């Protein structure tokens, strides 16, 4: 038997994130948190860099250490509305500035912080940001929760590592543009179905210059079905997840039992020769 809770309600705060407008973005996040509480949500997931947006040229100015600035605002929102709250912000640390996803408990305590490992060259992230160097799981009453950020969804190695370490849910804040919408829809489902767990992905809505962000945030179950999926507007999306579906899916399709990691390290070219 397990003491982990088996049912949870996940809210996705799909919002526009105008760069360099923290007051406006914080107010919108507060509205999302209040609405999530009214909906009975256990978790609220906000988009990537939800407070300052992709204003990377001013990243050093906007960034704050964990526990300060936007991180303190997130902890207060979690306490005020009694939510597990996740999203990513610019973190200042000894190694530079990172795009860091955090998960706060309803009492405002920090459950985990993950620095984005895979930096996105098309948005010049390597010019301004320092990459993380490890995967992160956060302890919750529902079991371990993994954190990834946007471009990380293109790297199945990361989510598989989280799944093997015990993740039951993966949270993915994002700013994914409409130009690559089909990849967003495909990869979010793929990360859930290949690992037979839940993935909650919150994407930004709105327009930034000539870049359109389509929203289409979703919660996907272990079978690859979207429990909820948004359109392109600002909106709060709510999904009810039954975590009993994870062992059910893994009994039906024994992916983890059938893995053969030793074979993956042996890549042959052409005809196999012992």
Protein backbone atom coordinates (compact mmCIF):
# COMPACT_ATOMS: atom_id res chain seq x y z
CA UNK A 1 0.00 0.00 0.00
CA UNK A 2 1.05 3.58 -0.51
CA UNK A 3 0.36 6.72 1.47
CA UNK A 4 0.44 8.81 -1.71
CA UNK A 5 -2.76 10.51 -2.75
CA UNK A 6 -4.26 9.16 -5.93
CA UNK A 7 -6.44 11.98 -7.23
CA UNK A 8 -5.49 15.57 -7.91
CA UNK A 9 -6.81 18.61 -9.70
CA UNK A 10 -4.40 20.52 -11.92
CA UNK A 11 -5.00 24.08 -13.13
CA UNK A 12 -3.09 25.65 -16.00
CA UNK A 13 -2.84 29.45 -15.94
CA UNK A 14 -2.57 30.09 -19.68
CA UNK A 15 -1.79 33.81 -19.80
CA UNK A 16 -0.19 36.41 -22.02
CA UNK A 17 3.26 37.43 -20.78
CA UNK A 18 4.23 40.87 -22.11
CA UNK A 19 8.00 41.29 -21.65
CA UNK A 20 9.15 43.77 -19.06
CA UNK A 21 5.72 44.24 -17.44
CA UNK A 22 6.04 42.44 -14.09
CA UNK A 23 3.24 44.38 -12.38
CA UNK A 24 0.73 43.44 -15.07
CA UNK A 25 1.92 39.82 -15.17
CA UNK A 26 1.85 39.43 -11.40
CA UNK A 27 -1.70 40.79 -11.28
CA UNK A 28 -2.76 38.29 -13.93
CA UNK A 29 -1.10 35.43 -12.05
CA UNK A 30 -2.95 36.47 -8.88
CA UNK A 31 -6.23 36.36 -10.78
CA UNK A 32 -5.37 32.90 -12.11
CA UNK A 33 -4.47 31.70 -8.60
CA UNK A 34 -7.75 33.00 -7.16
CA UNK A 35 -9.70 31.29 -9.94
CA UNK A 36 -7.73 28.07 -9.40
CA UNK A 37 -8.59 28.09 -5.70
CA UNK A 38 -12.28 28.55 -6.50
CA UNK A 39 -12.02 25.58 -8.87
CA UNK A 40 -10.62 23.40 -6.09
CA UNK A 41 -7.23 22.97 -7.76
CA UNK A 42 -4.32 21.32 -5.96
CA UNK A 43 -1.72 22.57 -8.47
CA UNK A 44 -1.46 25.74 -10.52
CA UNK A 45 1.08 25.79 -13.35
CA UNK A 46 2.05 29.13 -14.92
CA UNK A 47 3.96 29.66 -18.21
CA UNK A 48 7.71 29.90 -18.67
CA UNK A 49 9.23 33.21 -17.48
CA UNK A 50 5.72 34.28 -16.49
CA UNK A 51 6.74 37.41 -14.58
CA UNK A 52 9.17 39.26 -16.87
CA UNK A 53 8.72 37.44 -20.18
CA UNK A 54 11.47 36.81 -22.73
CA UNK A 55 13.28 40.06 -22.02
CA UNK A 56 16.64 38.31 -22.03
CA UNK A 57 18.69 41.42 -22.81
CA UNK A 58 17.64 42.60 -19.34
CA UNK A 59 17.90 39.17 -17.76
CA UNK A 60 20.56 40.23 -15.26
CA UNK A 61 18.34 43.14 -14.18
CA UNK A 62 15.18 41.05 -13.77
CA UNK A 63 16.83 38.02 -12.16
CA UNK A 64 16.72 37.38 -8.40
CA UNK A 65 18.15 34.72 -6.09
CA UNK A 66 15.85 31.96 -4.89
CA UNK A 67 13.74 33.32 -2.06
CA UNK A 68 13.78 36.89 -3.36
CA UNK A 69 12.01 38.93 -6.05
CA UNK A 70 9.61 36.91 -8.14
CA UNK A 71 10.39 33.76 -6.18
CA UNK A 72 9.16 35.43 -2.99
CA UNK A 73 6.05 36.56 -4.89
CA UNK A 74 5.40 32.95 -5.95
CA UNK A 75 5.82 31.66 -2.40
CA UNK A 76 3.32 34.26 -1.21
CA UNK A 77 0.82 33.33 -3.94
CA UNK A 78 1.10 29.66 -2.95
CA UNK A 79 0.46 30.54 0.72
CA UNK A 80 -2.31 33.01 0.03
CA UNK A 81 -4.31 30.70 -2.21
CA UNK A 82 -3.34 27.34 -0.69
CA UNK A 83 -1.89 25.89 -3.90
CA UNK A 84 1.08 23.94 -5.13
CA UNK A 85 2.40 26.62 -7.51
CA UNK A 86 4.85 26.09 -10.37
CA UNK A 87 6.32 28.30 -13.08
CA UNK A 88 9.72 29.50 -14.24
CA UNK A 89 11.58 32.73 -13.47
CA UNK A 90 15.02 34.22 -13.99
CA UNK A 91 17.29 33.12 -11.16
CA UNK A 92 20.53 34.88 -10.27
CA UNK A 93 23.20 32.65 -8.73
CA UNK A 94 26.97 32.34 -8.50
CA UNK A 95 27.19 30.80 -11.97
CA UNK A 96 25.17 33.53 -13.71
CA UNK A 97 21.47 33.74 -14.58
CA UNK A 98 19.29 30.69 -15.27
CA UNK A 99 15.75 30.04 -16.43
CA UNK A 100 14.58 28.21 -13.31
CA UNK A 101 11.34 26.34 -12.70
CA UNK A 102 10.23 26.16 -9.08
CA UNK A 103 7.48 24.32 -7.22
CA UNK A 104 6.11 25.78 -3.99
CA UNK A 105 3.90 24.01 -1.46
CA UNK A 106 0.68 25.57 -0.10
CA UNK A 107 2.59 26.75 2.97
CA UNK A 108 5.02 28.66 0.74
CA UNK A 109 7.94 26.26 1.21
CA UNK A 110 10.12 25.50 -1.81
CA UNK A 111 9.81 21.87 -2.88
CA UNK A 112 12.32 22.01 -5.74
CA UNK A 113 14.11 24.25 -8.23
CA UNK A 114 15.19 23.15 -11.71
CA UNK A 115 17.49 25.16 -13.97
CA UNK A 116 16.68 24.67 -17.65
CA UNK A 117 19.22 22.19 -19.00
CA UNK A 118 18.62 22.63 -22.74
CA UNK A 119 19.03 26.24 -23.85
CA UNK A 120 17.20 27.30 -27.00
CA UNK A 121 19.52 28.85 -29.57
CA UNK A 122 16.74 30.32 -31.71
CA UNK A 123 15.85 32.60 -28.77
CA UNK A 124 19.53 33.37 -28.01
CA UNK A 125 19.25 31.76 -24.60
CA UNK A 126 22.93 30.63 -24.55
CA UNK A 127 23.99 34.30 -24.87
CA UNK A 128 22.25 35.31 -21.65
CA UNK A 129 21.58 32.21 -19.58
CA UNK A 130 23.57 29.53 -17.79
CA UNK A 131 22.27 25.97 -18.30
CA UNK A 132 21.38 23.64 -15.48
CA UNK A 133 23.23 20.38 -15.03
CA UNK A 134 20.72 18.00 -13.43
CA UNK A 135 17.17 16.69 -13.46
CA UNK A 136 14.97 17.53 -10.49
CA UNK A 137 12.15 15.72 -8.68
CA UNK A 138 9.97 17.44 -6.08
CA UNK A 139 8.30 15.60 -3.19
CA UNK A 140 4.52 16.04 -2.97
CA UNK A 141 1.62 14.20 -1.29
CA UNK A 142 0.91 12.61 -4.68
CA UNK A 143 4.45 11.31 -5.12
CA UNK A 144 7.46 12.73 -6.96
CA UNK A 145 6.83 15.51 -9.49
CA UNK A 146 9.40 16.27 -12.20
CA UNK A 147 10.12 19.70 -13.67
CA UNK A 148 11.07 20.52 -17.26
CA UNK A 149 10.91 23.76 -19.26
CA UNK A 150 9.67 24.26 -22.84
CA UNK A 151 12.51 23.14 -25.19
CA UNK A 152 13.26 20.29 -22.77
CA UNK A 153 10.24 18.49 -24.22
CA UNK A 154 12.33 17.72 -27.30
CA UNK A 155 14.74 15.63 -25.20
CA UNK A 156 13.14 12.31 -24.22
CA UNK A 157 16.24 11.37 -22.22
CA UNK A 158 15.34 13.95 -19.58
CA UNK A 159 11.74 12.91 -19.05
CA UNK A 160 12.70 9.22 -19.13
CA UNK A 161 15.27 9.87 -16.39
CA UNK A 162 12.55 11.53 -14.31
CA UNK A 163 10.17 8.63 -14.92
CA UNK A 164 12.81 6.05 -13.95
CA UNK A 165 13.47 8.03 -10.76
CA UNK A 166 9.77 7.77 -9.82
CA UNK A 167 8.00 10.80 -11.30
CA UNK A 168 4.22 10.42 -11.51
CA UNK A 169 3.62 13.89 -12.95
CA UNK A 170 5.82 16.17 -15.04
CA UNK A 171 5.19 19.92 -15.08
CA UNK A 172 6.29 21.86 -18.15
CA UNK A 173 5.99 25.67 -18.24
CA UNK A 174 6.57 26.97 -21.78
CA UNK A 175 6.62 29.83 -24.28
CA UNK A 176 6.19 27.78 -27.47
CA UNK A 177 5.37 29.74 -30.66
CA UNK A 178 2.64 28.90 -33.15
CA UNK A 179 5.27 28.27 -35.85
CA UNK A 180 6.04 24.97 -34.13
CA UNK A 181 2.57 24.20 -32.81
CA UNK A 182 2.40 20.69 -34.26
CA UNK A 183 5.62 19.79 -32.45
CA UNK A 184 4.15 21.12 -29.19
CA UNK A 185 1.04 18.99 -29.55
CA UNK A 186 2.99 15.89 -30.53
CA UNK A 187 5.84 16.11 -28.04
CA UNK A 188 3.67 16.85 -25.01
CA UNK A 189 1.58 13.75 -25.68
CA UNK A 190 4.64 11.67 -26.54
CA UNK A 191 6.41 12.45 -23.26
CA UNK A 192 3.30 11.28 -21.38
CA UNK A 193 2.52 8.13 -23.33
CA UNK A 194 6.10 6.86 -23.67
CA UNK A 195 6.65 7.20 -19.92
CA UNK A 196 3.11 6.20 -18.91
CA UNK A 197 2.62 9.12 -16.54
CA UNK A 198 0.87 12.51 -16.48
CA UNK A 199 2.28 15.60 -18.18
CA UNK A 200 0.89 19.08 -17.49
CA UNK A 201 2.18 21.70 -19.93
CA UNK A 202 1.26 25.38 -19.71
CA UNK A 203 2.07 27.50 -22.74
CA UNK A 204 1.87 31.23 -23.12
CA UNK A 205 -0.85 32.95 -25.16
CA UNK A 206 -0.66 36.31 -26.93
CA UNK A 207 1.70 38.09 -29.33
CA UNK A 208 5.23 39.41 -28.84
CA UNK A 209 6.36 41.47 -31.84
CA UNK A 210 5.94 39.18 -34.84
CA UNK A 211 5.82 36.00 -32.74
CA UNK A 212 2.41 34.47 -31.98
CA UNK A 213 1.99 32.17 -29.01
CA UNK A 214 -0.91 29.75 -29.50
CA UNK A 215 -1.58 28.60 -25.95
CA UNK A 216 -2.97 25.06 -26.39
CA UNK A 217 -1.91 24.18 -22.86
CA UNK A 218 -2.87 20.67 -21.84
CA UNK A 219 -2.83 17.90 -19.28
CA UNK A 220 -2.12 14.50 -20.83
CA UNK A 221 -2.72 11.16 -19.13
CA UNK A 222 -0.54 7.99 -19.32
CA UNK A 223 -2.53 6.76 -22.34
CA UNK A 224 -1.69 9.90 -24.34
CA UNK A 225 -5.18 11.40 -24.05
CA UNK A 226 -5.57 15.10 -23.31
CA UNK A 227 -7.76 15.55 -20.23
CA UNK A 228 -8.03 19.24 -21.05
CA UNK A 229 -6.66 21.38 -23.88
CA UNK A 230 -6.91 25.12 -24.31
CA UNK A 231 -7.30 27.36 -27.32
CA UNK A 232 -5.27 30.52 -28.03
CA UNK A 233 -6.88 32.80 -25.43
CA UNK A 234 -5.93 33.67 -21.87
CA UNK A 235 -7.80 31.18 -19.72
CA UNK A 236 -7.62 28.89 -16.71
CA UNK A 237 -7.83 25.23 -17.65
CA UNK A 238 -8.67 22.59 -15.06
CA UNK A 239 -8.19 18.82 -15.24
CA UNK A 240 -8.87 16.06 -12.74
CA UNK A 241 -6.20 13.36 -12.77
CA UNK A 242 -6.57 9.86 -11.31
CA UNK A 243 -3.04 8.63 -10.65
CA UNK A 244 -4.29 5.05 -10.49
CA UNK A 245 -4.09 5.20 -14.28
CA UNK A 246 -0.29 5.05 -14.07
CA UNK A 247 0.06 1.48 -12.74
CA UNK A 248 -2.94 0.47 -14.85
CA UNK A 249 -1.20 1.67 -18.03
CA UNK A 250 2.10 0.05 -17.00
CA UNK A 251 0.42 -3.30 -16.36
CA UNK A 252 -1.26 -3.19 -19.76
CA UNK A 253 1.85 -2.14 -21.72
CA UNK A 254 4.93 -3.26 -19.81
CA UNK A 255 7.28 -0.66 -21.27
CA UNK A 256 9.47 -0.36 -18.20
CA UNK A 257 9.75 -4.12 -17.72
CA UNK A 258 10.64 -4.55 -21.40
CA UNK A 259 13.39 -1.92 -21.50
CA UNK A 260 16.86 -3.24 -22.41
CA UNK A 261 19.31 -0.45 -21.52
CA UNK A 262 22.32 -2.66 -22.18
CA UNK A 263 21.33 -2.90 -25.87
CA UNK A 264 20.99 0.87 -26.25
CA UNK A 265 24.70 1.28 -25.64
CA UNK A 266 25.61 -1.02 -28.52
CA UNK A 267 24.96 0.71 -31.85
CA UNK A 268 25.97 -1.29 -34.92
CA UNK A 269 26.31 -0.16 -38.52
CA UNK A 270 25.04 -2.42 -41.28
CA UNK A 271 25.23 -6.19 -40.84
CA UNK A 272 25.66 -7.25 -37.23
CA UNK A 273 28.91 -9.04 -36.43
CA UNK A 274 29.41 -10.56 -32.98
